[in-house]
PDB file of N, CA and C in Angstrom:
ATOM      1  N   UNK A   1      17.019  70.761 -39.567  1.00  0.00           N
ATOM      2  CA  UNK A   1      18.038  69.820 -38.882  1.00  0.00           C
ATOM      3  C   UNK A   1      18.291  68.763 -38.949  1.00  0.00           C
ATOM      4  N   UNK A   2      19.062  67.861 -38.560  1.00  0.00           N
ATOM      5  CA  UNK A   2      18.942  66.974 -38.363  1.00  0.00           C
ATOM      6  C   UNK A   2      20.238  66.136 -38.167  1.00  0.00           C
ATOM      7  N   UNK A   3      19.631  65.253 -37.637  1.00  0.00           N
ATOM      8  CA  UNK A   3      22.052  64.676 -36.968  1.00  0.00           C
ATOM      9  C   UNK A   3      21.945  63.547 -37.362  1.00  0.00           C
ATOM     10  N   UNK A   4      23.531  63.896 -37.429  1.00  0.00           N
ATOM     11  CA  UNK A   4      24.501  62.242 -38.749  1.00  0.00           C
ATOM     12  C   UNK A   4      25.131  62.406 -37.360  1.00  0.00           C
ATOM     13  N   UNK A   5      24.743  61.076 -37.565  1.00  0.00           N
ATOM     14  CA  UNK A   5      25.873  59.908 -36.114  1.00  0.00           C
ATOM     15  C   UNK A   5      27.153  59.806 -36.526  1.00  0.00           C
ATOM     16  N   UNK A   6      28.371  59.802 -35.872  1.00  0.00           N
ATOM     17  CA  UNK A   6      30.060  59.181 -36.767  1.00  0.00           C
ATOM     18  C   UNK A   6      29.765  57.385 -36.854  1.00  0.00           C
ATOM     19  N   UNK A   7      30.630  57.324 -37.933  1.00  0.00           N
ATOM     20  CA  UNK A   7      30.489  56.555 -38.549  1.00  0.00           C
ATOM     21  C   UNK A   7      30.992  55.568 -37.371  1.00  0.00           C
ATOM     22  N   UNK A   8      31.787  55.752 -36.504  1.00  0.00           N
ATOM     23  CA  UNK A   8      32.278  55.411 -35.127  1.00  0.00           C
ATOM     24  C   UNK A   8      31.236  54.714 -33.880  1.00  0.00           C
ATOM     25  N   UNK A   9      30.466  55.636 -34.451  1.00  0.00           N
ATOM     26  CA  UNK A   9      28.850  55.743 -33.201  1.00  0.00           C
ATOM     27  C   UNK A   9      28.363  54.557 -32.897  1.00  0.00           C
ATOM     28  N   UNK A  10      27.881  53.512 -32.277  1.00  0.00           N
ATOM     29  CA  UNK A  10      27.283  52.790 -32.255  1.00  0.00           C
ATOM     30  C   UNK A  10      25.918  52.494 -31.087  1.00  0.00           C
ATOM     31  N   UNK A  11      24.260  52.623 -31.871  1.00  0.00           N
ATOM     32  CA  UNK A  11      23.598  52.523 -30.709  1.00  0.00           C
ATOM     33  C   UNK A  11      22.788  50.528 -30.567  1.00  0.00           C
ATOM     34  N   UNK A  12      22.784  50.573 -29.287  1.00  0.00           N
ATOM     35  CA  UNK A  12      22.008  49.467 -29.544  1.00  0.00           C
ATOM     36  C   UNK A  12      21.253  49.490 -27.910  1.00  0.00           C
ATOM     37  N   UNK A  13      19.250  48.967 -28.740  1.00  0.00           N
ATOM     38  CA  UNK A  13      18.615  49.327 -27.504  1.00  0.00           C
ATOM     39  C   UNK A  13      19.030  48.072 -26.371  1.00  0.00           C
ATOM     40  N   UNK A  14      19.284  48.734 -24.936  1.00  0.00           N
ATOM     41  CA  UNK A  14      18.132  46.907 -24.485  1.00  0.00           C
ATOM     42  C   UNK A  14      15.927  47.217 -24.497  1.00  0.00           C
ATOM     43  N   UNK A  15      15.960  46.342 -23.505  1.00  0.00           N
ATOM     44  CA  UNK A  15      15.221  45.947 -23.275  1.00  0.00           C
ATOM     45  C   UNK A  15      14.613  47.484 -22.397  1.00  0.00           C
ATOM     46  N   UNK A  16      15.363  47.850 -21.455  1.00  0.00           N
ATOM     47  CA  UNK A  16      15.042  49.154 -20.470  1.00  0.00           C
ATOM     48  C   UNK A  16      15.621  50.039 -20.701  1.00  0.00           C
ATOM     49  N   UNK A  17      17.768  50.118 -20.718  1.00  0.00           N
ATOM     50  CA  UNK A  17      17.479  51.019 -21.725  1.00  0.00           C
ATOM     51  C   UNK A  17      18.551  50.894 -22.728  1.00  0.00           C
ATOM     52  N   UNK A  18      19.552  52.041 -23.502  1.00  0.00           N
ATOM     53  CA  UNK A  18      19.872  51.307 -24.070  1.00  0.00           C
ATOM     54  C   UNK A  18      21.342  52.057 -23.942  1.00  0.00           C
ATOM     55  N   UNK A  19      22.277  51.725 -24.914  1.00  0.00           N
ATOM     56  CA  UNK A  19      23.785  52.535 -25.270  1.00  0.00           C
ATOM     57  C   UNK A  19      24.356  53.021 -26.057  1.00  0.00           C
ATOM     58  N   UNK A  20      25.043  54.201 -26.466  1.00  0.00           N
ATOM     59  CA  UNK A  20      25.862  54.468 -27.609  1.00  0.00           C
ATOM     60  C   UNK A  20      27.522  54.315 -26.952  1.00  0.00           C
ATOM     61  N   UNK A  21      27.696  53.760 -28.230  1.00  0.00           N
ATOM     62  CA  UNK A  21      29.600  53.789 -27.862  1.00  0.00           C
ATOM     63  C   UNK A  21      29.923  54.626 -29.290  1.00  0.00           C
ATOM     64  N   UNK A  22      31.483  54.705 -28.790  1.00  0.00           N
ATOM     65  CA  UNK A  22      31.628  55.404 -30.130  1.00  0.00           C
ATOM     66  C   UNK A  22      33.325  53.822 -29.724  1.00  0.00           C
ATOM     67  N   UNK A  23      32.894  54.008 -31.318  1.00  0.00           N
ATOM     68  CA  UNK A  23      34.037  53.039 -30.751  1.00  0.00           C
ATOM     69  C   UNK A  23      35.321  52.621 -31.521  1.00  0.00           C
ATOM     70  N   UNK A  24      35.797  54.097 -31.201  1.00  0.00           N
ATOM     71  CA  UNK A  24      36.905  55.124 -31.600  1.00  0.00           C
ATOM     72  C   UNK A  24      37.854  55.339 -30.667  1.00  0.00           C
ATOM     73  N   UNK A  25      37.137  56.397 -29.368  1.00  0.00           N
ATOM     74  CA  UNK A  25      36.719  57.126 -28.681  1.00  0.00           C
ATOM     75  C   UNK A  25      37.298  56.053 -27.505  1.00  0.00           C
ATOM     76  N   UNK A  26      36.328  54.853 -27.708  1.00  0.00           N
ATOM     77  CA  UNK A  26      35.404  54.300 -25.952  1.00  0.00           C
ATOM     78  C   UNK A  26      34.923  54.869 -25.590  1.00  0.00           C
ATOM     79  N   UNK A  27      34.748  56.276 -25.567  1.00  0.00           N
ATOM     80  CA  UNK A  27      32.928  56.676 -24.778  1.00  0.00           C
ATOM     81  C   UNK A  27      32.118  55.189 -24.952  1.00  0.00           C
ATOM     82  N   UNK A  28      31.661  55.029 -24.073  1.00  0.00           N
ATOM     83  CA  UNK A  28      30.331  53.999 -23.669  1.00  0.00           C
ATOM     84  C   UNK A  28      29.560  55.031 -22.503  1.00  0.00           C
ATOM     85  N   UNK A  29      28.034  54.906 -22.748  1.00  0.00           N
ATOM     86  CA  UNK A  29      27.099  55.919 -21.767  1.00  0.00           C
ATOM     87  C   UNK A  29      25.427  55.042 -21.371  1.00  0.00           C
ATOM     88  N   UNK A  30      25.340  54.430 -21.163  1.00  0.00           N
ATOM     89  CA  UNK A  30      23.760  54.385 -20.865  1.00  0.00           C
ATOM     90  C   UNK A  30      22.804  56.050 -21.881  1.00  0.00           C
ATOM     91  N   UNK A  31      21.686  55.299 -22.323  1.00  0.00           N
ATOM     92  CA  UNK A  31      21.214  56.577 -23.215  1.00  0.00           C
ATOM     93  C   UNK A  31      19.110  55.731 -22.897  1.00  0.00           C
ATOM     94  N   UNK A  32      18.318  56.447 -22.510  1.00  0.00           N
ATOM     95  CA  UNK A  32      17.870  55.926 -22.700  1.00  0.00           C
ATOM     96  C   UNK A  32      16.830  56.111 -23.838  1.00  0.00           C
ATOM     97  N   UNK A  33      15.657  55.228 -23.890  1.00  0.00           N
ATOM     98  CA  UNK A  33      15.264  54.614 -24.983  1.00  0.00           C
ATOM     99  C   UNK A  33      14.335  55.263 -25.702  1.00  0.00           C
ATOM    100  N   UNK A  34      13.926  56.233 -25.473  1.00  0.00           N
ATOM    101  CA  UNK A  34      13.173  57.750 -26.560  1.00  0.00           C
ATOM    102  C   UNK A  34      14.430  58.393 -27.216  1.00  0.00           C
ATOM    103  N   UNK A  35      15.885  58.262 -26.424  1.00  0.00           N
ATOM    104  CA  UNK A  35      16.828  59.036 -27.302  1.00  0.00           C
ATOM    105  C   UNK A  35      17.414  57.656 -28.823  1.00  0.00           C
ATOM    106  N   UNK A  36      17.326  56.768 -28.313  1.00  0.00           N
ATOM    107  CA  UNK A  36      17.715  55.580 -29.051  1.00  0.00           C
ATOM    108  C   UNK A  36      16.395  55.598 -30.251  1.00  0.00           C
ATOM    109  N   UNK A  37      15.381  55.689 -29.505  1.00  0.00           N
ATOM    110  CA  UNK A  37      14.532  55.870 -31.157  1.00  0.00           C
ATOM    111  C   UNK A  37      13.799  57.321 -31.729  1.00  0.00           C
ATOM    112  N   UNK A  38      15.057  58.219 -30.977  1.00  0.00           N
ATOM    113  CA  UNK A  38      15.178  59.449 -32.073  1.00  0.00           C
ATOM    114  C   UNK A  38      16.163  58.933 -32.722  1.00  0.00           C
ATOM    115  N   UNK A  39      17.139  59.226 -32.738  1.00  0.00           N
ATOM    116  CA  UNK A  39      18.394  58.383 -32.954  1.00  0.00           C
ATOM    117  C   UNK A  39      18.905  57.644 -34.646  1.00  0.00           C
ATOM    118  N   UNK A  40      18.113  56.342 -33.652  1.00  0.00           N
ATOM    119  CA  UNK A  40      17.559  54.956 -34.903  1.00  0.00           C
ATOM    120  C   UNK A  40      17.362  55.904 -36.714  1.00  0.00           C
ATOM    121  N   UNK A  41      16.290  57.096 -36.934  1.00  0.00           N
ATOM    122  CA  UNK A  41      16.024  57.172 -37.734  1.00  0.00           C
ATOM    123  C   UNK A  41      16.956  58.353 -37.901  1.00  0.00           C
ATOM    124  N   UNK A  42      17.691  58.651 -39.227  1.00  0.00           N
ATOM    125  CA  UNK A  42      18.393  59.758 -39.312  1.00  0.00           C
ATOM    126  C   UNK A  42      17.248  60.573 -40.731  1.00  0.00           C
ATOM    127  N   UNK A  43      16.808  60.589 -41.076  1.00  0.00           N
ATOM    128  CA  UNK A  43      15.425  61.283 -42.122  1.00  0.00           C
ATOM    129  C   UNK A  43      15.068  61.690 -40.374  1.00  0.00           C
ATOM    130  N   UNK A  44      15.082  61.783 -39.454  1.00  0.00           N
ATOM    131  CA  UNK A  44      14.146  63.307 -38.376  1.00  0.00           C
ATOM    132  C   UNK A  44      14.883  64.092 -38.547  1.00  0.00           C
ATOM    133  N   UNK A  45      13.873  65.113 -38.827  1.00  0.00           N
ATOM    134  CA  UNK A  45      13.588  65.949 -38.699  1.00  0.00           C
ATOM    135  C   UNK A  45      13.577  67.179 -37.696  1.00  0.00           C
ATOM    136  N   UNK A  46      15.096  67.511 -36.809  1.00  0.00           N
ATOM    137  CA  UNK A  46      14.242  68.173 -35.424  1.00  0.00           C
ATOM    138  C   UNK A  46      13.430  69.333 -35.364  1.00  0.00           C
ATOM    139  N   UNK A  47      13.816  69.993 -35.914  1.00  0.00           N
ATOM    140  CA  UNK A  47      13.061  70.959 -36.074  1.00  0.00           C
ATOM    141  C   UNK A  47      11.633  71.368 -36.138  1.00  0.00           C
ATOM    142  N   UNK A  48      11.682  70.173 -36.543  1.00  0.00           N
ATOM    143  CA  UNK A  48       9.620  69.882 -36.787  1.00  0.00           C
ATOM    144  C   UNK A  48       8.627  69.180 -35.853  1.00  0.00           C
ATOM    145  N   UNK A  49      10.073  67.733 -35.145  1.00  0.00           N
ATOM    146  CA  UNK A  49       9.326  67.457 -34.180  1.00  0.00           C
ATOM    147  C   UNK A  49       9.615  68.168 -32.773  1.00  0.00           C
ATOM    148  N   UNK A  50      10.624  69.008 -32.593  1.00  0.00           N
ATOM    149  CA  UNK A  50      10.157  70.513 -32.178  1.00  0.00           C
ATOM    150  C   UNK A  50       9.025  71.102 -31.752  1.00  0.00           C
ATOM    151  N   UNK A  51       7.962  71.511 -33.407  1.00  0.00           N
ATOM    152  CA  UNK A  51       7.634  72.193 -32.902  1.00  0.00           C
ATOM    153  C   UNK A  51       6.398  70.745 -33.377  1.00  0.00           C
ATOM    154  N   UNK A  52       6.091  70.552 -32.426  1.00  0.00           N
ATOM    155  CA  UNK A  52       5.346  68.829 -32.072  1.00  0.00           C
ATOM    156  C   UNK A  52       4.977  68.651 -31.144  1.00  0.00           C
ATOM    157  N   UNK A  53       6.227  68.984 -29.906  1.00  0.00           N
ATOM    158  CA  UNK A  53       6.394  68.494 -28.918  1.00  0.00           C
ATOM    159  C   UNK A  53       5.929  69.967 -28.045  1.00  0.00           C
ATOM    160  N   UNK A  54       5.379  69.218 -27.032  1.00  0.00           N
ATOM    161  CA  UNK A  54       4.883  71.394 -25.185  1.00  0.00           C
ATOM    162  C   UNK A  54       6.251  71.075 -25.326  1.00  0.00           C
ATOM    163  N   UNK A  55       6.046  72.574 -23.987  1.00  0.00           N
ATOM    164  CA  UNK A  55       8.172  72.935 -24.032  1.00  0.00           C
ATOM    165  C   UNK A  55       8.485  71.651 -22.527  1.00  0.00           C
ATOM    166  N   UNK A  56       8.040  71.356 -21.892  1.00  0.00           N
ATOM    167  CA  UNK A  56       9.018  70.398 -21.371  1.00  0.00           C
ATOM    168  C   UNK A  56       9.710  69.115 -22.917  1.00  0.00           C
ATOM    169  N   UNK A  57       9.049  68.983 -23.344  1.00  0.00           N
ATOM    170  CA  UNK A  57       9.717  67.436 -24.587  1.00  0.00           C
ATOM    171  C   UNK A  57      10.471  68.063 -25.001  1.00  0.00           C
ATOM    172  N   UNK A  58      10.369  69.504 -25.436  1.00  0.00           N
ATOM    173  CA  UNK A  58      11.189  70.192 -26.833  1.00  0.00           C
ATOM    174  C   UNK A  58      12.936  70.519 -25.001  1.00  0.00           C
ATOM    175  N   UNK A  59      12.277  70.864 -24.230  1.00  0.00           N
ATOM    176  CA  UNK A  59      13.585  70.902 -23.584  1.00  0.00           C
ATOM    177  C   UNK A  59      14.489  69.496 -23.511  1.00  0.00           C
ATOM    178  N   UNK A  60      14.102  68.318 -22.751  1.00  0.00           N
ATOM    179  CA  UNK A  60      14.491  67.355 -23.103  1.00  0.00           C
ATOM    180  C   UNK A  60      15.150  66.767 -24.128  1.00  0.00           C
ATOM    181  N   UNK A  61      14.217  67.508 -25.561  1.00  0.00           N
ATOM    182  CA  UNK A  61      15.171  66.967 -27.116  1.00  0.00           C
ATOM    183  C   UNK A  61      15.827  67.691 -27.665  1.00  0.00           C
ATOM    184  N   UNK A  62      15.851  68.466 -27.269  1.00  0.00           N
ATOM    185  CA  UNK A  62      17.370  70.209 -26.955  1.00  0.00           C
ATOM    186  C   UNK A  62      18.777  68.422 -26.337  1.00  0.00           C
ATOM    187  N   UNK A  63      18.557  68.616 -24.531  1.00  0.00           N
ATOM    188  CA  UNK A  63      19.121  68.646 -24.304  1.00  0.00           C
ATOM    189  C   UNK A  63      19.673  66.605 -24.534  1.00  0.00           C
ATOM    190  N   UNK A  64      19.163  66.004 -25.122  1.00  0.00           N
ATOM    191  CA  UNK A  64      19.526  64.519 -26.286  1.00  0.00           C
ATOM    192  C   UNK A  64      20.317  65.584 -27.622  1.00  0.00           C
ATOM    193  N   UNK A  65      20.072  66.839 -28.723  1.00  0.00           N
ATOM    194  CA  UNK A  65      20.676  66.835 -28.750  1.00  0.00           C
ATOM    195  C   UNK A  65      22.271  67.550 -28.822  1.00  0.00           C
ATOM    196  N   UNK A  66      22.241  68.602 -27.621  1.00  0.00           N
ATOM    197  CA  UNK A  66      22.739  69.400 -27.398  1.00  0.00           C
ATOM    198  C   UNK A  66      23.937  68.065 -26.646  1.00  0.00           C
ATOM    199  N   UNK A  67      24.022  66.722 -26.021  1.00  0.00           N
ATOM    200  CA  UNK A  67      24.496  65.702 -25.406  1.00  0.00           C
ATOM    201  C   UNK A  67      25.036  64.115 -26.854  1.00  0.00           C
ATOM    202  N   UNK A  68      25.504  64.424 -27.888  1.00  0.00           N
ATOM    203  CA  UNK A  68      25.217  64.291 -29.494  1.00  0.00           C
ATOM    204  C   UNK A  68      26.627  64.932 -29.608  1.00  0.00           C
ATOM    205  N   UNK A  69      26.355  66.091 -29.456  1.00  0.00           N
ATOM    206  CA  UNK A  69      26.527  67.438 -29.839  1.00  0.00           C
ATOM    207  C   UNK A  69      28.181  67.445 -29.093  1.00  0.00           C
ATOM    208  N   UNK A  70      28.567  67.636 -27.861  1.00  0.00           N
ATOM    209  CA  UNK A  70      29.340  68.239 -26.314  1.00  0.00           C
ATOM    210  C   UNK A  70      29.587  66.748 -26.958  1.00  0.00           C
ATOM    211  N   UNK A  71      29.446  65.113 -26.998  1.00  0.00           N
ATOM    212  CA  UNK A  71      30.429  64.414 -26.912  1.00  0.00           C
ATOM    213  C   UNK A  71      30.908  63.690 -28.097  1.00  0.00           C
ATOM    214  N   UNK A  72      30.726  65.707 -29.077  1.00  0.00           N
ATOM    215  CA  UNK A  72      31.056  64.887 -30.279  1.00  0.00           C
ATOM    216  C   UNK A  72      30.577  63.134 -31.014  1.00  0.00           C
ATOM    217  N   UNK A  73      29.353  62.801 -30.837  1.00  0.00           N
ATOM    218  CA  UNK A  73      28.759  61.580 -31.089  1.00  0.00           C
ATOM    219  C   UNK A  73      28.468  61.513 -32.721  1.00  0.00           C
ATOM    220  N   UNK A  74      28.700  63.152 -33.085  1.00  0.00           N
ATOM    221  CA  UNK A  74      27.532  62.643 -34.708  1.00  0.00           C
ATOM    222  C   UNK A  74      27.412  64.955 -34.641  1.00  0.00           C
ATOM    223  N   UNK A  75      27.020  65.452 -35.459  1.00  0.00           N
ATOM    224  CA  UNK A  75      27.078  66.910 -35.233  1.00  0.00           C
ATOM    225  C   UNK A  75      25.098  67.286 -36.201  1.00  0.00           C
ATOM    226  N   UNK A  76      25.726  67.867 -36.698  1.00  0.00           N
ATOM    227  CA  UNK A  76      24.158  68.734 -36.842  1.00  0.00           C
ATOM    228  C   UNK A  76      24.093  69.378 -38.107  1.00  0.00           C
ATOM    229  N   UNK A  77      23.290  69.079 -38.790  1.00  0.00           N
ATOM    230  CA  UNK A  77      23.862  68.724 -40.764  1.00  0.00           C
ATOM    231  C   UNK A  77      21.629  69.778 -41.404  1.00  0.00           C
ATOM    232  N   UNK A  78      21.775  71.115 -42.392  1.00  0.00           N
ATOM    233  CA  UNK A  78      20.697  71.933 -41.773  1.00  0.00           C
ATOM    234  C   UNK A  78      19.978  70.723 -43.203  1.00  0.00           C
ATOM    235  N   UNK A  79      20.638  70.125 -44.190  1.00  0.00           N
ATOM    236  CA  UNK A  79      19.054  69.208 -44.329  1.00  0.00           C
ATOM    237  C   UNK A  79      19.217  68.754 -45.499  1.00  0.00           C
ATOM    238  N   UNK A  80      18.063  67.942 -45.948  1.00  0.00           N
ATOM    239  CA  UNK A  80      18.314  66.265 -45.853  1.00  0.00           C
ATOM    240  C   UNK A  80      19.626  66.334 -46.921  1.00  0.00           C
ATOM    241  N   UNK A  81      18.948  66.839 -47.351  1.00  0.00           N
ATOM    242  CA  UNK A  81      20.749  67.114 -49.318  1.00  0.00           C
ATOM    243  C   UNK A  81      21.397  66.995 -48.760  1.00  0.00           C
ATOM    244  N   UNK A  82      21.810  67.936 -48.111  1.00  0.00           N
ATOM    245  CA  UNK A  82      23.407  67.448 -46.693  1.00  0.00           C
ATOM    246  C   UNK A  82      23.828  66.631 -46.790  1.00  0.00           C
ATOM    247  N   UNK A  83      22.569  65.579 -45.265  1.00  0.00           N
ATOM    248  CA  UNK A  83      22.822  64.688 -44.903  1.00  0.00           C
ATOM    249  C   UNK A  83      22.548  62.981 -45.541  1.00  0.00           C
ATOM    250  N   UNK A  84      21.977  63.076 -47.208  1.00  0.00           N
ATOM    251  CA  UNK A  84      22.473  62.473 -47.728  1.00  0.00           C
ATOM    252  C   UNK A  84      23.445  61.814 -49.103  1.00  0.00           C
ATOM    253  N   UNK A  85      24.132  63.060 -48.520  1.00  0.00           N
ATOM    254  CA  UNK A  85      26.300  63.049 -48.975  1.00  0.00           C
ATOM    255  C   UNK A  85      26.809  62.934 -48.226  1.00  0.00           C
ATOM    256  N   UNK A  86      26.573  62.173 -47.013  1.00  0.00           N
ATOM    257  CA  UNK A  86      27.261  60.977 -45.721  1.00  0.00           C
ATOM    258  C   UNK A  86      27.102  59.956 -46.626  1.00  0.00           C
ATOM    259  N   UNK A  87      27.814  59.286 -47.083  1.00  0.00           N
ATOM    260  CA  UNK A  87      27.770  57.620 -46.785  1.00  0.00           C
ATOM    261  C   UNK A  87      27.940  56.660 -45.964  1.00  0.00           C
ATOM    262  N   UNK A  88      27.273  55.690 -46.065  1.00  0.00           N
ATOM    263  CA  UNK A  88      26.683  54.616 -44.915  1.00  0.00           C
ATOM    264  C   UNK A  88      27.465  53.461 -45.523  1.00  0.00           C
ATOM    265  N   UNK A  89      27.943  53.404 -44.174  1.00  0.00           N
ATOM    266  CA  UNK A  89      28.214  51.798 -44.766  1.00  0.00           C
ATOM    267  C   UNK A  89      27.134  50.857 -44.543  1.00  0.00           C
ATOM    268  N   UNK A  90      27.737  50.282 -45.039  1.00  0.00           N
ATOM    269  CA  UNK A  90      27.553  48.436 -43.951  1.00  0.00           C
ATOM    270  C   UNK A  90      27.465  47.885 -43.111  1.00  0.00           C
ATOM    271  N   UNK A  91      26.484  48.269 -42.712  1.00  0.00           N
ATOM    272  CA  UNK A  91      27.798  48.175 -40.910  1.00  0.00           C
ATOM    273  C   UNK A  91      27.162  46.372 -40.373  1.00  0.00           C
ATOM    274  N   UNK A  92      27.179  45.465 -41.814  1.00  0.00           N
ATOM    275  CA  UNK A  92      26.681  44.212 -42.296  1.00  0.00           C
ATOM    276  C   UNK A  92      27.852  42.962 -41.926  1.00  0.00           C
ATOM    277  N   UNK A  93      28.174  41.795 -40.499  1.00  0.00           N
ATOM    278  CA  UNK A  93      28.933  40.922 -40.224  1.00  0.00           C
ATOM    279  C   UNK A  93      28.250  39.887 -40.207  1.00  0.00           C
ATOM    280  N   UNK A  94      29.387  39.547 -41.730  1.00  0.00           N
ATOM    281  CA  UNK A  94      28.957  38.118 -41.846  1.00  0.00           C
ATOM    282  C   UNK A  94      29.494  36.817 -40.668  1.00  0.00           C
ATOM    283  N   UNK A  95      29.750  36.351 -40.072  1.00  0.00           N
ATOM    284  CA  UNK A  95      29.517  35.724 -38.460  1.00  0.00           C
ATOM    285  C   UNK A  95      28.903  34.117 -38.664  1.00  0.00           C
ATOM    286  N   UNK A  96      29.582  32.914 -38.410  1.00  0.00           N
ATOM    287  CA  UNK A  96      29.304  32.022 -38.529  1.00  0.00           C
ATOM    288  C   UNK A  96      28.447  31.680 -37.658  1.00  0.00           C
ATOM    289  N   UNK A  97      27.667  32.967 -36.690  1.00  0.00           N
ATOM    290  CA  UNK A  97      26.994  32.506 -35.462  1.00  0.00           C
ATOM    291  C   UNK A  97      25.378  34.194 -34.948  1.00  0.00           C
ATOM    292  N   UNK A  98      25.121  33.380 -34.532  1.00  0.00           N
ATOM    293  CA  UNK A  98      24.137  35.502 -34.389  1.00  0.00           C
ATOM    294  C   UNK A  98      24.374  36.030 -33.085  1.00  0.00           C
ATOM    295  N   UNK A  99      25.324  35.836 -32.470  1.00  0.00           N
ATOM    296  CA  UNK A  99      25.788  37.025 -31.636  1.00  0.00           C
ATOM    297  C   UNK A  99      26.545  37.143 -32.373  1.00  0.00           C
ATOM    298  N   UNK A 100      27.025  39.349 -32.482  1.00  0.00           N
ATOM    299  CA  UNK A 100      27.995  39.731 -32.815  1.00  0.00           C
ATOM    300  C   UNK A 100      28.819  40.980 -31.314  1.00  0.00           C
ATOM    301  N   UNK A 101      27.779  40.779 -30.425  1.00  0.00           N
ATOM    302  CA  UNK A 101      28.129  42.230 -29.452  1.00  0.00           C
ATOM    303  C   UNK A 101      27.576  41.600 -28.405  1.00  0.00           C
ATOM    304  N   UNK A 102      27.659  41.852 -27.125  1.00  0.00           N
ATOM    305  CA  UNK A 102      26.984  40.856 -26.147  1.00  0.00           C
ATOM    306  C   UNK A 102      27.701  43.146 -25.123  1.00  0.00           C
ATOM    307  N   UNK A 103      26.696  43.537 -24.042  1.00  0.00           N
ATOM    308  CA  UNK A 103      26.531  44.430 -23.351  1.00  0.00           C
ATOM    309  C   UNK A 103      25.520  43.430 -22.338  1.00  0.00           C
ATOM    310  N   UNK A 104      26.114  43.154 -21.284  1.00  0.00           N
ATOM    311  CA  UNK A 104      25.964  43.308 -19.860  1.00  0.00           C
ATOM    312  C   UNK A 104      25.508  44.520 -19.108  1.00  0.00           C
ATOM    313  N   UNK A 105      24.394  43.824 -18.438  1.00  0.00           N
ATOM    314  CA  UNK A 105      23.930  44.540 -17.227  1.00  0.00           C
ATOM    315  C   UNK A 105      22.664  44.883 -16.178  1.00  0.00           C
ATOM    316  N   UNK A 106      24.257  43.894 -15.167  1.00  0.00           N
ATOM    317  CA  UNK A 106      23.174  43.648 -14.243  1.00  0.00           C
ATOM    318  C   UNK A 106      23.607  43.875 -12.727  1.00  0.00           C
ATOM    319  N   UNK A 107      22.581  43.541 -12.354  1.00  0.00           N
ATOM    320  CA  UNK A 107      23.431  43.614 -11.015  1.00  0.00           C
ATOM    321  C   UNK A 107      23.645  43.253  -9.364  1.00  0.00           C
ATOM    322  N   UNK A 108      23.689  42.035 -10.114  1.00  0.00           N
ATOM    323  CA  UNK A 108      23.733  40.861  -9.551  1.00  0.00           C
ATOM    324  C   UNK A 108      24.293  39.435  -9.863  1.00  0.00           C
ATOM    325  N   UNK A 109      26.160  39.526  -9.596  1.00  0.00           N
ATOM    326  CA  UNK A 109      27.253  39.014 -10.602  1.00  0.00           C
ATOM    327  C   UNK A 109      26.617  36.943 -11.190  1.00  0.00           C
ATOM    328  N   UNK A 110      25.944  36.998  -9.384  1.00  0.00           N
ATOM    329  CA  UNK A 110      25.557  35.872  -9.676  1.00  0.00           C
ATOM    330  C   UNK A 110      25.183  35.276  -9.988  1.00  0.00           C
ATOM    331  N   UNK A 111      24.045  36.082 -10.921  1.00  0.00           N
ATOM    332  CA  UNK A 111      23.238  35.189 -12.270  1.00  0.00           C
ATOM    333  C   UNK A 111      24.202  35.020 -13.586  1.00  0.00           C
ATOM    334  N   UNK A 112      25.048  36.473 -13.774  1.00  0.00           N
ATOM    335  CA  UNK A 112      26.310  36.452 -14.344  1.00  0.00           C
ATOM    336  C   UNK A 112      26.827  34.551 -14.913  1.00  0.00           C
ATOM    337  N   UNK A 113      27.834  34.892 -13.576  1.00  0.00           N
ATOM    338  CA  UNK A 113      28.426  33.735 -12.704  1.00  0.00           C
ATOM    339  C   UNK A 113      27.253  32.030 -13.605  1.00  0.00           C
ATOM    340  N   UNK A 114      25.866  31.875 -12.836  1.00  0.00           N
ATOM    341  CA  UNK A 114      25.358  30.572 -12.737  1.00  0.00           C
ATOM    342  C   UNK A 114      24.825  30.166 -14.578  1.00  0.00           C
ATOM    343  N   UNK A 115      24.621  31.609 -15.228  1.00  0.00           N
ATOM    344  CA  UNK A 115      23.374  30.883 -16.079  1.00  0.00           C
ATOM    345  C   UNK A 115      23.884  31.513 -17.353  1.00  0.00           C
ATOM    346  N   UNK A 116      24.185  33.580 -17.249  1.00  0.00           N
ATOM    347  CA  UNK A 116      24.167  33.371 -18.638  1.00  0.00           C
ATOM    348  C   UNK A 116      25.742  32.853 -18.893  1.00  0.00           C
ATOM    349  N   UNK A 117      27.145  32.488 -18.596  1.00  0.00           N
ATOM    350  CA  UNK A 117      27.855  32.166 -18.795  1.00  0.00           C
ATOM    351  C   UNK A 117      27.268  31.386 -19.519  1.00  0.00           C
ATOM    352  N   UNK A 118      27.118  30.115 -18.713  1.00  0.00           N
ATOM    353  CA  UNK A 118      26.861  29.169 -19.319  1.00  0.00           C
ATOM    354  C   UNK A 118      26.280  28.746 -21.395  1.00  0.00           C
ATOM    355  N   UNK A 119      25.072  30.162 -20.757  1.00  0.00           N
ATOM    356  CA  UNK A 119      24.116  30.269 -22.083  1.00  0.00           C
ATOM    357  C   UNK A 119      25.227  31.035 -23.355  1.00  0.00           C
ATOM    358  N   UNK A 120      25.649  31.731 -22.015  1.00  0.00           N
ATOM    359  CA  UNK A 120      27.082  32.430 -23.785  1.00  0.00           C
ATOM    360  C   UNK A 120      27.514  31.461 -24.458  1.00  0.00           C
ATOM    361  N   UNK A 121      28.929  31.064 -23.714  1.00  0.00           N
ATOM    362  CA  UNK A 121      29.282  29.152 -24.270  1.00  0.00           C
ATOM    363  C   UNK A 121      28.809  28.603 -24.710  1.00  0.00           C
ATOM    364  N   UNK A 122      27.540  28.207 -25.144  1.00  0.00           N
ATOM    365  CA  UNK A 122      27.532  27.327 -25.728  1.00  0.00           C
ATOM    366  C   UNK A 122      25.780  28.364 -26.606  1.00  0.00           C
ATOM    367  N   UNK A 123      25.855  29.472 -26.780  1.00  0.00           N
ATOM    368  CA  UNK A 123      25.375  30.556 -27.785  1.00  0.00           C
ATOM    369  C   UNK A 123      24.352  30.405 -27.979  1.00  0.00           C
ATOM    370  N   UNK A 124      23.741  30.803 -26.982  1.00  0.00           N
ATOM    371  CA  UNK A 124      21.771  30.328 -26.837  1.00  0.00           C
ATOM    372  C   UNK A 124      21.191  31.525 -26.147  1.00  0.00           C
ATOM    373  N   UNK A 125      21.815  31.743 -26.411  1.00  0.00           N
ATOM    374  CA  UNK A 125      22.249  33.767 -26.309  1.00  0.00           C
ATOM    375  C   UNK A 125      20.883  33.861 -26.837  1.00  0.00           C
TER     376      UNK A 125
END
């Protein structure tokens, strides 16, 4: 079994946690980096992975799969052949700078006002 994320679903890995978002529906949720690591590899066979895990880890993996399916972020496919039938878009974006998306997760907004906005406007991130 494989998970195919919909084309409108993007995942971005952060330092402490990742984010998954659907650009069509506006769905946005922080996720553990472990889920990012699993989802980024579309060729990951979840049935084989489950066999390698202990009982607790297997339950967590199933929760991850259920999260993706129940939030309509992707679908489950049975075989690699079926997975390969999906057209993968080229997400390459030609821009004159290196910054295409910016997600800031801060507890202290003073940092945003003092340092980060200046760095963003000067494109030094």
